[in-house]
Amino acid sequence: MGIFRLKVVQRGTVIVDGVDSLEEAEEYLESCNPVDDVKWSGFLEAMQGGIELQKINIPDYMTIKEFADRISVKPAEIIKWLFLRGKIADFKSAICFDDMREFADGYGFICEKETEE
């Protein structure tokens, strides 16, 4: 089972979980139309923008270097992203869960907090 993010014109972004393919995600959106007169296909963009997402578990804080390694991006990309949001950091700096979640969203990840057992 996969998780797919699909862009919906005039509606934002829809996350479809529990389907095996992008086609099944499209079919799901078509089947959950609440108003008979309106076709979801009129709102859907070309599905080339849809991507499969991955779930990852992350702690409340970790270093930028550790986080970059976890999602396979260069630490410089995260540092630049933070800088554009008014935060100064280097690869040894800690990054909080909310920032990690927001950054990772752009790379096809859904972040969930690690639970201690």
PDB file of N, CA and C in Angstrom:
ATOM      1  N   MET A   1       0.838  -1.178   0.000  1.00  0.00           N
ATOM      2  CA  MET A   1       0.000   0.000   0.000  1.00  0.00           C
ATOM      3  C   MET A   1       0.881   1.239   0.000  1.00  0.00           C
ATOM      4  N   GLY A   2       0.440   2.260  -0.710  1.00  0.00           N
ATOM      5  CA  GLY A   2       1.216   3.480  -0.792  1.00  0.00           C
ATOM      6  C   GLY A   2       0.419   4.688  -0.350  1.00  0.00           C
ATOM      7  N   ILE A   3       1.112   5.804  -0.276  1.00  0.00           N
ATOM      8  CA  ILE A   3       0.495   7.083   0.048  1.00  0.00           C
ATOM      9  C   ILE A   3       0.863   8.018  -1.089  1.00  0.00           C
ATOM     10  N   PHE A   4      -0.118   8.719  -1.637  1.00  0.00           N
ATOM     11  CA  PHE A   4       0.133   9.594  -2.769  1.00  0.00           C
ATOM     12  C   PHE A   4      -0.370  10.999  -2.475  1.00  0.00           C
ATOM     13  N   ARG A   5       0.398  11.992  -2.919  1.00  0.00           N
ATOM     14  CA  ARG A   5      -0.026  13.387  -2.813  1.00  0.00           C
ATOM     15  C   ARG A   5      -0.444  13.834  -4.215  1.00  0.00           C
ATOM     16  N   LEU A   6      -1.664  14.337  -4.339  1.00  0.00           N
ATOM     17  CA  LEU A   6      -2.179  14.805  -5.615  1.00  0.00           C
ATOM     18  C   LEU A   6      -2.564  16.272  -5.480  1.00  0.00           C
ATOM     19  N   LYS A   7      -2.194  17.058  -6.471  1.00  0.00           N
ATOM     20  CA  LYS A   7      -2.585  18.461  -6.452  1.00  0.00           C
ATOM     21  C   LYS A   7      -3.982  18.572  -7.044  1.00  0.00           C
ATOM     22  N   VAL A   8      -4.817  19.365  -6.411  1.00  0.00           N
ATOM     23  CA  VAL A   8      -6.192  19.532  -6.858  1.00  0.00           C
ATOM     24  C   VAL A   8      -6.400  21.014  -7.147  1.00  0.00           C
ATOM     25  N   VAL A   9      -6.764  21.312  -8.371  1.00  0.00           N
ATOM     26  CA  VAL A   9      -6.980  22.697  -8.770  1.00  0.00           C
ATOM     27  C   VAL A   9      -8.076  23.306  -7.906  1.00  0.00           C
ATOM     28  N   GLN A  10      -7.887  24.501  -7.439  1.00  0.00           N
ATOM     29  CA  GLN A  10      -8.834  25.262  -6.635  1.00  0.00           C
ATOM     30  C   GLN A  10      -9.093  24.633  -5.266  1.00  0.00           C
ATOM     31  N   ARG A  11      -8.395  23.594  -4.919  1.00  0.00           N
ATOM     32  CA  ARG A  11      -8.670  22.933  -3.654  1.00  0.00           C
ATOM     33  C   ARG A  11      -7.410  22.681  -2.832  1.00  0.00           C
ATOM     34  N   GLY A  12      -6.210  22.870  -3.407  1.00  0.00           N
ATOM     35  CA  GLY A  12      -4.996  22.612  -2.643  1.00  0.00           C
ATOM     36  C   GLY A  12      -4.433  21.240  -2.919  1.00  0.00           C
ATOM     37  N   THR A  13      -4.077  20.529  -1.884  1.00  0.00           N
ATOM     38  CA  THR A  13      -3.433  19.228  -2.007  1.00  0.00           C
ATOM     39  C   THR A  13      -4.238  18.194  -1.237  1.00  0.00           C
ATOM     40  N   VAL A  14      -4.346  17.016  -1.814  1.00  0.00           N
ATOM     41  CA  VAL A  14      -5.063  15.916  -1.174  1.00  0.00           C
ATOM     42  C   VAL A  14      -4.073  14.779  -0.979  1.00  0.00           C
ATOM     43  N   ILE A  15      -4.050  14.198   0.210  1.00  0.00           N
ATOM     44  CA  ILE A  15      -3.221  13.021   0.485  1.00  0.00           C
ATOM     45  C   ILE A  15      -4.142  11.807   0.468  1.00  0.00           C
ATOM     46  N   VAL A  16      -3.814  10.833  -0.367  1.00  0.00           N
ATOM     47  CA  VAL A  16      -4.601   9.608  -0.469  1.00  0.00           C
ATOM     48  C   VAL A  16      -3.737   8.464   0.048  1.00  0.00           C
ATOM     49  N   ASP A  17      -4.195   7.800   1.108  1.00  0.00           N
ATOM     50  CA  ASP A  17      -3.448   6.726   1.757  1.00  0.00           C
ATOM     51  C   ASP A  17      -4.147   5.399   1.467  1.00  0.00           C
ATOM     52  N   GLY A  18      -3.393   4.330   1.463  1.00  0.00           N
ATOM     53  CA  GLY A  18      -3.978   2.995   1.361  1.00  0.00           C
ATOM     54  C   GLY A  18      -4.317   2.566  -0.050  1.00  0.00           C
ATOM     55  N   VAL A  19      -3.638   3.102  -1.052  1.00  0.00           N
ATOM     56  CA  VAL A  19      -3.836   2.671  -2.430  1.00  0.00           C
ATOM     57  C   VAL A  19      -2.501   2.164  -2.961  1.00  0.00           C
ATOM     58  N   ASP A  20      -2.555   1.370  -4.030  1.00  0.00           N
ATOM     59  CA  ASP A  20      -1.343   0.760  -4.562  1.00  0.00           C
ATOM     60  C   ASP A  20      -0.713   1.535  -5.713  1.00  0.00           C
ATOM     61  N   SER A  21      -1.443   2.488  -6.298  1.00  0.00           N
ATOM     62  CA  SER A  21      -0.894   3.197  -7.449  1.00  0.00           C
ATOM     63  C   SER A  21      -1.510   4.580  -7.562  1.00  0.00           C
ATOM     64  N   LEU A  22      -0.881   5.399  -8.385  1.00  0.00           N
ATOM     65  CA  LEU A  22      -1.408   6.735  -8.648  1.00  0.00           C
ATOM     66  C   LEU A  22      -2.780   6.643  -9.314  1.00  0.00           C
ATOM     67  N   GLU A  23      -2.967   5.647 -10.164  1.00  0.00           N
ATOM     68  CA  GLU A  23      -4.263   5.460 -10.830  1.00  0.00           C
ATOM     69  C   GLU A  23      -5.370   5.177  -9.808  1.00  0.00           C
ATOM     70  N   GLU A  24      -5.061   4.346  -8.803  1.00  0.00           N
ATOM     71  CA  GLU A  24      -6.050   4.062  -7.757  1.00  0.00           C
ATOM     72  C   GLU A  24      -6.352   5.313  -6.942  1.00  0.00           C
ATOM     73  N   ALA A  25      -5.339   6.153  -6.735  1.00  0.00           N
ATOM     74  CA  ALA A  25      -5.560   7.415  -6.021  1.00  0.00           C
ATOM     75  C   ALA A  25      -6.501   8.304  -6.815  1.00  0.00           C
ATOM     76  N   GLU A  26      -6.312   8.366  -8.138  1.00  0.00           N
ATOM     77  CA  GLU A  26      -7.208   9.146  -9.002  1.00  0.00           C
ATOM     78  C   GLU A  26      -8.637   8.598  -8.926  1.00  0.00           C
ATOM     79  N   GLU A  27      -8.764   7.280  -9.018  1.00  0.00           N
ATOM     80  CA  GLU A  27     -10.088   6.657  -8.954  1.00  0.00           C
ATOM     81  C   GLU A  27     -10.770   6.944  -7.623  1.00  0.00           C
ATOM     82  N   TYR A  28      -9.989   6.926  -6.553  1.00  0.00           N
ATOM     83  CA  TYR A  28     -10.548   7.245  -5.241  1.00  0.00           C
ATOM     84  C   TYR A  28     -11.121   8.653  -5.239  1.00  0.00           C
ATOM     85  N   LEU A  29     -10.364   9.610  -5.758  1.00  0.00           N
ATOM     86  CA  LEU A  29     -10.861  10.991  -5.792  1.00  0.00           C
ATOM     87  C   LEU A  29     -12.132  11.100  -6.626  1.00  0.00           C
ATOM     88  N   GLU A  30     -12.165  10.392  -7.755  1.00  0.00           N
ATOM     89  CA  GLU A  30     -13.365  10.413  -8.598  1.00  0.00           C
ATOM     90  C   GLU A  30     -14.572   9.827  -7.850  1.00  0.00           C
ATOM     91  N   SER A  31     -14.344   8.789  -7.052  1.00  0.00           N
ATOM     92  CA  SER A  31     -15.456   8.096  -6.395  1.00  0.00           C
ATOM     93  C   SER A  31     -15.968   8.823  -5.150  1.00  0.00           C
ATOM     94  N   CYS A  32     -15.221   9.780  -4.618  1.00  0.00           N
ATOM     95  CA  CYS A  32     -15.679  10.416  -3.388  1.00  0.00           C
ATOM     96  C   CYS A  32     -16.274  11.796  -3.636  1.00  0.00           C
ATOM     97  N   ASN A  33     -16.768  12.019  -4.844  1.00  0.00           N
ATOM     98  CA  ASN A  33     -17.383  13.292  -5.199  1.00  0.00           C
ATOM     99  C   ASN A  33     -18.684  13.481  -4.421  1.00  0.00           C
ATOM    100  N   PRO A  34     -18.771  14.504  -3.553  1.00  0.00           N
ATOM    101  CA  PRO A  34     -19.964  14.700  -2.749  1.00  0.00           C
ATOM    102  C   PRO A  34     -21.135  15.339  -3.498  1.00  0.00           C
ATOM    103  N   VAL A  35     -20.870  15.934  -4.647  1.00  0.00           N
ATOM    104  CA  VAL A  35     -21.936  16.608  -5.397  1.00  0.00           C
ATOM    105  C   VAL A  35     -21.977  16.010  -6.793  1.00  0.00           C
ATOM    106  N   ASP A  36     -23.150  15.476  -7.169  1.00  0.00           N
ATOM    107  CA  ASP A  36     -23.266  14.798  -8.460  1.00  0.00           C
ATOM    108  C   ASP A  36     -23.013  15.718  -9.644  1.00  0.00           C
ATOM    109  N   ASP A  37     -23.407  16.990  -9.537  1.00  0.00           N
ATOM    110  CA  ASP A  37     -23.271  17.913 -10.660  1.00  0.00           C
ATOM    111  C   ASP A  37     -21.809  18.279 -10.946  1.00  0.00           C
ATOM    112  N   VAL A  38     -20.957  18.172  -9.938  1.00  0.00           N
ATOM    113  CA  VAL A  38     -19.571  18.595 -10.091  1.00  0.00           C
ATOM    114  C   VAL A  38     -18.709  17.355 -10.264  1.00  0.00           C
ATOM    115  N   LYS A  39     -17.916  17.336 -11.309  1.00  0.00           N
ATOM    116  CA  LYS A  39     -17.007  16.220 -11.539  1.00  0.00           C
ATOM    117  C   LYS A  39     -15.650  16.568 -10.955  1.00  0.00           C
ATOM    118  N   TRP A  40     -15.087  15.674 -10.136  1.00  0.00           N
ATOM    119  CA  TRP A  40     -13.761  15.914  -9.583  1.00  0.00           C
ATOM    120  C   TRP A  40     -12.754  16.123 -10.689  1.00  0.00           C
ATOM    121  N   SER A  41     -12.938  15.446 -11.824  1.00  0.00           N
ATOM    122  CA  SER A  41     -11.957  15.560 -12.894  1.00  0.00           C
ATOM    123  C   SER A  41     -11.832  17.000 -13.365  1.00  0.00           C
ATOM    124  N   GLY A  42     -12.858  17.803 -13.165  1.00  0.00           N
ATOM    125  CA  GLY A  42     -12.769  19.212 -13.495  1.00  0.00           C
ATOM    126  C   GLY A  42     -11.836  19.954 -12.564  1.00  0.00           C
ATOM    127  N   PHE A  43     -11.544  19.395 -11.403  1.00  0.00           N
ATOM    128  CA  PHE A  43     -10.675  20.020 -10.426  1.00  0.00           C
ATOM    129  C   PHE A  43      -9.268  19.422 -10.403  1.00  0.00           C
ATOM    130  N   LEU A  44      -9.106  18.250 -10.974  1.00  0.00           N
ATOM    131  CA  LEU A  44      -7.812  17.579 -10.907  1.00  0.00           C
ATOM    132  C   LEU A  44      -6.843  18.142 -11.939  1.00  0.00           C
ATOM    133  N   GLU A  45      -5.635  18.394 -11.519  1.00  0.00           N
ATOM    134  CA  GLU A  45      -4.591  18.760 -12.462  1.00  0.00           C
ATOM    135  C   GLU A  45      -4.085  17.486 -13.120  1.00  0.00           C
ATOM    136  N   ALA A  46      -3.235  17.641 -14.073  1.00  0.00           N
ATOM    137  CA  ALA A  46      -2.609  16.474 -14.681  1.00  0.00           C
ATOM    138  C   ALA A  46      -1.920  15.682 -13.581  1.00  0.00           C
ATOM    139  N   MET A  47      -2.130  14.418 -13.549  1.00  0.00           N
ATOM    140  CA  MET A  47      -1.625  13.607 -12.452  1.00  0.00           C
ATOM    141  C   MET A  47      -0.117  13.423 -12.507  1.00  0.00           C
ATOM    142  N   GLN A  48       0.561  14.052 -13.482  1.00  0.00           N
ATOM    143  CA  GLN A  48       2.016  13.988 -13.510  1.00  0.00           C
ATOM    144  C   GLN A  48       2.590  14.656 -12.271  1.00  0.00           C
ATOM    145  N   GLY A  49       1.812  15.516 -11.614  1.00  0.00           N
ATOM    146  CA  GLY A  49       2.268  16.180 -10.401  1.00  0.00           C
ATOM    147  C   GLY A  49       2.121  15.326  -9.166  1.00  0.00           C
ATOM    148  N   GLY A  50       1.478  14.169  -9.274  1.00  0.00           N
ATOM    149  CA  GLY A  50       1.297  13.297  -8.121  1.00  0.00           C
ATOM    150  C   GLY A  50       2.592  12.561  -7.800  1.00  0.00           C
ATOM    151  N   ILE A  51       2.861  12.395  -6.508  1.00  0.00           N
ATOM    152  CA  ILE A  51       4.060  11.664  -6.108  1.00  0.00           C
ATOM    153  C   ILE A  51       3.715  10.694  -4.994  1.00  0.00           C
ATOM    154  N   GLU A  52       4.471   9.624  -4.928  1.00  0.00           N
ATOM    155  CA  GLU A  52       4.308   8.674  -3.832  1.00  0.00           C
ATOM    156  C   GLU A  52       5.094   9.187  -2.635  1.00  0.00           C
ATOM    157  N   LEU A  53       4.482   9.149  -1.482  1.00  0.00           N
ATOM    158  CA  LEU A  53       5.101   9.638  -0.257  1.00  0.00           C
ATOM    159  C   LEU A  53       5.633   8.481   0.579  1.00  0.00           C
ATOM    160  N   GLN A  54       6.608   8.782   1.423  1.00  0.00           N
ATOM    161  CA  GLN A  54       7.139   7.793   2.353  1.00  0.00           C
ATOM    162  C   GLN A  54       6.956   8.316   3.764  1.00  0.00           C
ATOM    163  N   LYS A  55       6.580   7.432   4.676  1.00  0.00           N
ATOM    164  CA  LYS A  55       6.482   7.811   6.086  1.00  0.00           C
ATOM    165  C   LYS A  55       7.824   7.558   6.754  1.00  0.00           C
ATOM    166  N   ILE A  56       8.271   8.542   7.565  1.00  0.00           N
ATOM    167  CA  ILE A  56       9.482   8.352   8.346  1.00  0.00           C
ATOM    168  C   ILE A  56       9.209   8.775   9.778  1.00  0.00           C
ATOM    169  N   ASN A  57       9.852   8.117  10.705  1.00  0.00           N
ATOM    170  CA  ASN A  57       9.751   8.468  12.126  1.00  0.00           C
ATOM    171  C   ASN A  57      10.979   9.268  12.503  1.00  0.00           C
ATOM    172  N   ILE A  58      10.748  10.429  13.129  1.00  0.00           N
ATOM    173  CA  ILE A  58      11.861  11.279  13.543  1.00  0.00           C
ATOM    174  C   ILE A  58      11.622  11.769  14.965  1.00  0.00           C
ATOM    175  N   PRO A  59      12.701  12.075  15.698  1.00  0.00           N
ATOM    176  CA  PRO A  59      12.552  12.586  17.066  1.00  0.00           C
ATOM    177  C   PRO A  59      12.151  14.062  17.048  1.00  0.00           C
ATOM    178  N   ASP A  60      11.954  14.631  18.237  1.00  0.00           N
ATOM    179  CA  ASP A  60      11.600  16.047  18.339  1.00  0.00           C
ATOM    180  C   ASP A  60      12.709  16.942  17.805  1.00  0.00           C
ATOM    181  N   TYR A  61      13.961  16.539  18.015  1.00  0.00           N
ATOM    182  CA  TYR A  61      15.116  17.300  17.542  1.00  0.00           C
ATOM    183  C   TYR A  61      16.192  16.350  17.042  1.00  0.00           C
ATOM    184  N   MET A  62      16.965  16.793  16.062  1.00  0.00           N
ATOM    185  CA  MET A  62      18.158  16.097  15.610  1.00  0.00           C
ATOM    186  C   MET A  62      19.029  17.112  14.872  1.00  0.00           C
ATOM    187  N   THR A  63      20.278  16.767  14.611  1.00  0.00           N
ATOM    188  CA  THR A  63      21.125  17.717  13.895  1.00  0.00           C
ATOM    189  C   THR A  63      20.707  17.760  12.427  1.00  0.00           C
ATOM    190  N   ILE A  64      21.027  18.867  11.791  1.00  0.00           N
ATOM    191  CA  ILE A  64      20.714  19.010  10.368  1.00  0.00           C
ATOM    192  C   ILE A  64      21.405  17.914   9.569  1.00  0.00           C
ATOM    193  N   LYS A  65      22.644  17.594   9.924  1.00  0.00           N
ATOM    194  CA  LYS A  65      23.385  16.540   9.218  1.00  0.00           C
ATOM    195  C   LYS A  65      22.674  15.191   9.340  1.00  0.00           C
ATOM    196  N   GLU A  66      22.229  14.845  10.545  1.00  0.00           N
ATOM    197  CA  GLU A  66      21.523  13.568  10.740  1.00  0.00           C
ATOM    198  C   GLU A  66      20.223  13.538   9.943  1.00  0.00           C
ATOM    199  N   PHE A  67      19.489  14.647   9.972  1.00  0.00           N
ATOM    200  CA  PHE A  67      18.217  14.706   9.252  1.00  0.00           C
ATOM    201  C   PHE A  67      18.450  14.613   7.744  1.00  0.00           C
ATOM    202  N   ALA A  68      19.463  15.326   7.252  1.00  0.00           N
ATOM    203  CA  ALA A  68      19.780  15.281   5.817  1.00  0.00           C
ATOM    204  C   ALA A  68      20.111  13.860   5.383  1.00  0.00           C
ATOM    205  N   ASP A  69      20.888  13.156   6.200  1.00  0.00           N
ATOM    206  CA  ASP A  69      21.221  11.762   5.889  1.00  0.00           C
ATOM    207  C   ASP A  69      19.978  10.883   5.878  1.00  0.00           C
ATOM    208  N   ARG A  70      19.057  11.140   6.785  1.00  0.00           N
ATOM    209  CA  ARG A  70      17.840  10.326   6.904  1.00  0.00           C
ATOM    210  C   ARG A  70      16.965  10.441   5.647  1.00  0.00           C
ATOM    211  N   ILE A  71      16.920  11.647   5.036  1.00  0.00           N
ATOM    212  CA  ILE A  71      16.048  11.824   3.864  1.00  0.00           C
ATOM    213  C   ILE A  71      16.840  11.965   2.556  1.00  0.00           C
ATOM    214  N   SER A  72      18.141  11.724   2.627  1.00  0.00           N
ATOM    215  CA  SER A  72      19.027  11.718   1.449  1.00  0.00           C
ATOM    216  C   SER A  72      19.045  13.037   0.686  1.00  0.00           C
ATOM    217  N   VAL A  73      19.254  14.131   1.409  1.00  0.00           N
ATOM    218  CA  VAL A  73      19.463  15.433   0.778  1.00  0.00           C
ATOM    219  C   VAL A  73      20.760  16.018   1.330  1.00  0.00           C
ATOM    220  N   LYS A  74      21.272  17.021   0.666  1.00  0.00           N
ATOM    221  CA  LYS A  74      22.481  17.690   1.147  1.00  0.00           C
ATOM    222  C   LYS A  74      22.117  18.603   2.308  1.00  0.00           C
ATOM    223  N   PRO A  75      22.931  18.625   3.366  1.00  0.00           N
ATOM    224  CA  PRO A  75      22.655  19.528   4.491  1.00  0.00           C
ATOM    225  C   PRO A  75      22.524  20.981   4.045  1.00  0.00           C
ATOM    226  N   ALA A  76      23.262  21.364   3.001  1.00  0.00           N
ATOM    227  CA  ALA A  76      23.206  22.742   2.508  1.00  0.00           C
ATOM    228  C   ALA A  76      21.797  23.122   2.047  1.00  0.00           C
ATOM    229  N   GLU A  77      21.042  22.162   1.518  1.00  0.00           N
ATOM    230  CA  GLU A  77      19.674  22.452   1.084  1.00  0.00           C
ATOM    231  C   GLU A  77      18.794  22.813   2.283  1.00  0.00           C
ATOM    232  N   ILE A  78      18.974  22.102   3.379  1.00  0.00           N
ATOM    233  CA  ILE A  78      18.201  22.382   4.591  1.00  0.00           C
ATOM    234  C   ILE A  78      18.628  23.721   5.183  1.00  0.00           C
ATOM    235  N   ILE A  79      19.937  23.969   5.222  1.00  0.00           N
ATOM    236  CA  ILE A  79      20.451  25.227   5.767  1.00  0.00           C
ATOM    237  C   ILE A  79      19.928  26.409   4.952  1.00  0.00           C
ATOM    238  N   LYS A  80      19.925  26.285   3.638  1.00  0.00           N
ATOM    239  CA  LYS A  80      19.391  27.349   2.770  1.00  0.00           C
ATOM    240  C   LYS A  80      17.904  27.555   3.038  1.00  0.00           C
ATOM    241  N   TRP A  81      17.157  26.462   3.143  1.00  0.00           N
ATOM    242  CA  TRP A  81      15.714  26.535   3.390  1.00  0.00           C
ATOM    243  C   TRP A  81      15.442  27.264   4.707  1.00  0.00           C
ATOM    244  N   LEU A  82      16.218  26.926   5.746  1.00  0.00           N
ATOM    245  CA  LEU A  82      16.059  27.593   7.038  1.00  0.00           C
ATOM    246  C   LEU A  82      16.436  29.072   6.937  1.00  0.00           C
ATOM    247  N   PHE A  83      17.520  29.371   6.223  1.00  0.00           N
ATOM    248  CA  PHE A  83      17.966  30.755   6.056  1.00  0.00           C
ATOM    249  C   PHE A  83      16.879  31.601   5.402  1.00  0.00           C
ATOM    250  N   LEU A  84      16.219  31.056   4.394  1.00  0.00           N
ATOM    251  CA  LEU A  84      15.144  31.781   3.713  1.00  0.00           C
ATOM    252  C   LEU A  84      13.943  32.017   4.624  1.00  0.00           C
ATOM    253  N   ARG A  85      13.896  31.329   5.740  1.00  0.00           N
ATOM    254  CA  ARG A  85      12.851  31.523   6.744  1.00  0.00           C
ATOM    255  C   ARG A  85      13.362  32.298   7.953  1.00  0.00           C
ATOM    256  N   GLY A  86      14.547  32.908   7.793  1.00  0.00           N
ATOM    257  CA  GLY A  86      15.086  33.769   8.841  1.00  0.00           C
ATOM    258  C   GLY A  86      15.806  33.049   9.960  1.00  0.00           C
ATOM    259  N   LYS A  87      16.226  31.812   9.730  1.00  0.00           N
ATOM    260  CA  LYS A  87      16.921  31.041  10.761  1.00  0.00           C
ATOM    261  C   LYS A  87      18.350  30.756  10.311  1.00  0.00           C
ATOM    262  N   ILE A  88      19.302  31.043  11.168  1.00  0.00           N
ATOM    263  CA  ILE A  88      20.705  30.797  10.868  1.00  0.00           C
ATOM    264  C   ILE A  88      21.104  29.449  11.476  1.00  0.00           C
ATOM    265  N   ALA A  89      21.776  28.603  10.680  1.00  0.00           N
ATOM    266  CA  ALA A  89      22.138  27.272  11.155  1.00  0.00           C
ATOM    267  C   ALA A  89      23.361  26.772  10.401  1.00  0.00           C
ATOM    268  N   ASP A  90      23.997  25.754  10.961  1.00  0.00           N
ATOM    269  CA  ASP A  90      25.026  25.010  10.239  1.00  0.00           C
ATOM    270  C   ASP A  90      24.690  23.523  10.370  1.00  0.00           C
ATOM    271  N   PHE A  91      25.544  22.674   9.782  1.00  0.00           N
ATOM    272  CA  PHE A  91      25.161  21.261   9.743  1.00  0.00           C
ATOM    273  C   PHE A  91      25.140  20.589  11.105  1.00  0.00           C
ATOM    274  N   LYS A  92      25.746  21.209  12.127  1.00  0.00           N
ATOM    275  CA  LYS A  92      25.714  20.650  13.480  1.00  0.00           C
ATOM    276  C   LYS A  92      24.549  21.193  14.306  1.00  0.00           C
ATOM    277  N   SER A  93      23.846  22.199  13.769  1.00  0.00           N
ATOM    278  CA  SER A  93      22.720  22.804  14.494  1.00  0.00           C
ATOM    279  C   SER A  93      21.572  21.819  14.614  1.00  0.00           C
ATOM    280  N   ALA A  94      20.786  21.988  15.683  1.00  0.00           N
ATOM    281  CA  ALA A  94      19.587  21.161  15.867  1.00  0.00           C
ATOM    282  C   ALA A  94      18.451  21.743  15.034  1.00  0.00           C
ATOM    283  N   ILE A  95      17.616  20.859  14.547  1.00  0.00           N
ATOM    284  CA  ILE A  95      16.416  21.264  13.812  1.00  0.00           C
ATOM    285  C   ILE A  95      15.223  20.616  14.505  1.00  0.00           C
ATOM    286  N   CYS A  96      14.151  21.381  14.679  1.00  0.00           N
ATOM    287  CA  CYS A  96      12.987  20.878  15.416  1.00  0.00           C
ATOM    288  C   CYS A  96      12.061  20.059  14.516  1.00  0.00           C
ATOM    289  N   PHE A  97      11.184  19.312  15.146  1.00  0.00           N
ATOM    290  CA  PHE A  97      10.263  18.432  14.436  1.00  0.00           C
ATOM    291  C   PHE A  97       9.425  19.194  13.417  1.00  0.00           C
ATOM    292  N   ASP A  98       8.876  20.348  13.803  1.00  0.00           N
ATOM    293  CA  ASP A  98       8.005  21.102  12.884  1.00  0.00           C
ATOM    294  C   ASP A  98       8.751  21.532  11.627  1.00  0.00           C
ATOM    295  N   ASP A  99       9.993  21.992  11.788  1.00  0.00           N
ATOM    296  CA  ASP A  99      10.780  22.370  10.618  1.00  0.00           C
ATOM    297  C   ASP A  99      11.114  21.152   9.769  1.00  0.00           C
ATOM    298  N   MET A 100      11.462  20.041  10.413  1.00  0.00           N
ATOM    299  CA  MET A 100      11.766  18.821   9.659  1.00  0.00           C
ATOM    300  C   MET A 100      10.538  18.364   8.872  1.00  0.00           C
ATOM    301  N   ARG A 101       9.390  18.404   9.520  1.00  0.00           N
ATOM    302  CA  ARG A 101       8.154  17.964   8.852  1.00  0.00           C
ATOM    303  C   ARG A 101       7.862  18.839   7.641  1.00  0.00           C
ATOM    304  N   GLU A 102       7.981  20.137   7.791  1.00  0.00           N
ATOM    305  CA  GLU A 102       7.686  21.050   6.687  1.00  0.00           C
ATOM    306  C   GLU A 102       8.678  20.877   5.541  1.00  0.00           C
ATOM    307  N   PHE A 103       9.964  20.773   5.871  1.00  0.00           N
ATOM    308  CA  PHE A 103      10.977  20.589   4.833  1.00  0.00           C
ATOM    309  C   PHE A 103      10.778  19.260   4.114  1.00  0.00           C
ATOM    310  N   ALA A 104      10.603  18.204   4.860  1.00  0.00           N
ATOM    311  CA  ALA A 104      10.502  16.864   4.277  1.00  0.00           C
ATOM    312  C   ALA A 104       9.280  16.722   3.382  1.00  0.00           C
ATOM    313  N   ASP A 105       8.234  17.473   3.669  1.00  0.00           N
ATOM    314  CA  ASP A 105       7.024  17.427   2.848  1.00  0.00           C
ATOM    315  C   ASP A 105       7.343  17.734   1.386  1.00  0.00           C
ATOM    316  N   GLY A 106       8.251  18.661   1.157  1.00  0.00           N
ATOM    317  CA  GLY A 106       8.629  19.015  -0.199  1.00  0.00           C
ATOM    318  C   GLY A 106       9.430  17.936  -0.917  1.00  0.00           C
ATOM    319  N   TYR A 107       9.916  16.974  -0.170  1.00  0.00           N
ATOM    320  CA  TYR A 107      10.703  15.886  -0.742  1.00  0.00           C
ATOM    321  C   TYR A 107       9.957  14.554  -0.725  1.00  0.00           C
ATOM    322  N   GLY A 108       8.666  14.593  -0.468  1.00  0.00           N
ATOM    323  CA  GLY A 108       7.858  13.378  -0.545  1.00  0.00           C
ATOM    324  C   GLY A 108       7.846  12.519   0.695  1.00  0.00           C
ATOM    325  N   PHE A 109       8.066  13.138   1.858  1.00  0.00           N
ATOM    326  CA  PHE A 109       8.045  12.387   3.108  1.00  0.00           C
ATOM    327  C   PHE A 109       6.935  12.905   4.020  1.00  0.00           C
ATOM    328  N   ILE A 110       6.308  12.013   4.749  1.00  0.00           N
ATOM    329  CA  ILE A 110       5.391  12.365   5.823  1.00  0.00           C
ATOM    330  C   ILE A 110       6.108  12.001   7.111  1.00  0.00           C
ATOM    331  N   CYS A 111       6.326  12.997   7.969  1.00  0.00           N
ATOM    332  CA  CYS A 111       7.061  12.771   9.214  1.00  0.00           C
ATOM    333  C   CYS A 111       6.111  12.480  10.359  1.00  0.00           C
ATOM    334  N   GLU A 112       6.444  11.480  11.119  1.00  0.00           N
ATOM    335  CA  GLU A 112       5.725  11.154  12.338  1.00  0.00           C
ATOM    336  C   GLU A 112       6.730  11.148  13.483  1.00  0.00           C
ATOM    337  N   LYS A 113       6.284  11.539  14.684  1.00  0.00           N
ATOM    338  CA  LYS A 113       7.187  11.574  15.835  1.00  0.00           C
ATOM    339  C   LYS A 113       7.534  10.156  16.271  1.00  0.00           C
ATOM    340  N   GLU A 114       8.827   9.968  16.568  1.00  0.00           N
ATOM    341  CA  GLU A 114       9.256   8.688  17.124  1.00  0.00           C
ATOM    342  C   GLU A 114       8.678   8.539  18.504  1.00  0.00           C
ATOM    343  N   THR A 115       8.242   7.357  18.817  1.00  0.00           N
ATOM    344  CA  THR A 115       7.724   7.106  20.172  1.00  0.00           C
ATOM    345  C   THR A 115       8.720   6.250  20.917  1.00  0.00           C
ATOM    346  N   GLU A 116       8.949   6.608  22.170  1.00  0.00           N
ATOM    347  CA  GLU A 116       9.869   5.830  22.992  1.00  0.00           C
ATOM    348  C   GLU A 116       9.104   4.650  23.589  1.00  0.00           C
ATOM    349  N   GLU A 117       9.685   3.488  23.486  1.00  0.00           N
ATOM    350  CA  GLU A 117       9.016   2.300  24.009  1.00  0.00           C
ATOM    351  C   GLU A 117       9.808   1.718  25.142  1.00  0.00           C
TER     352      GLU A 117
END
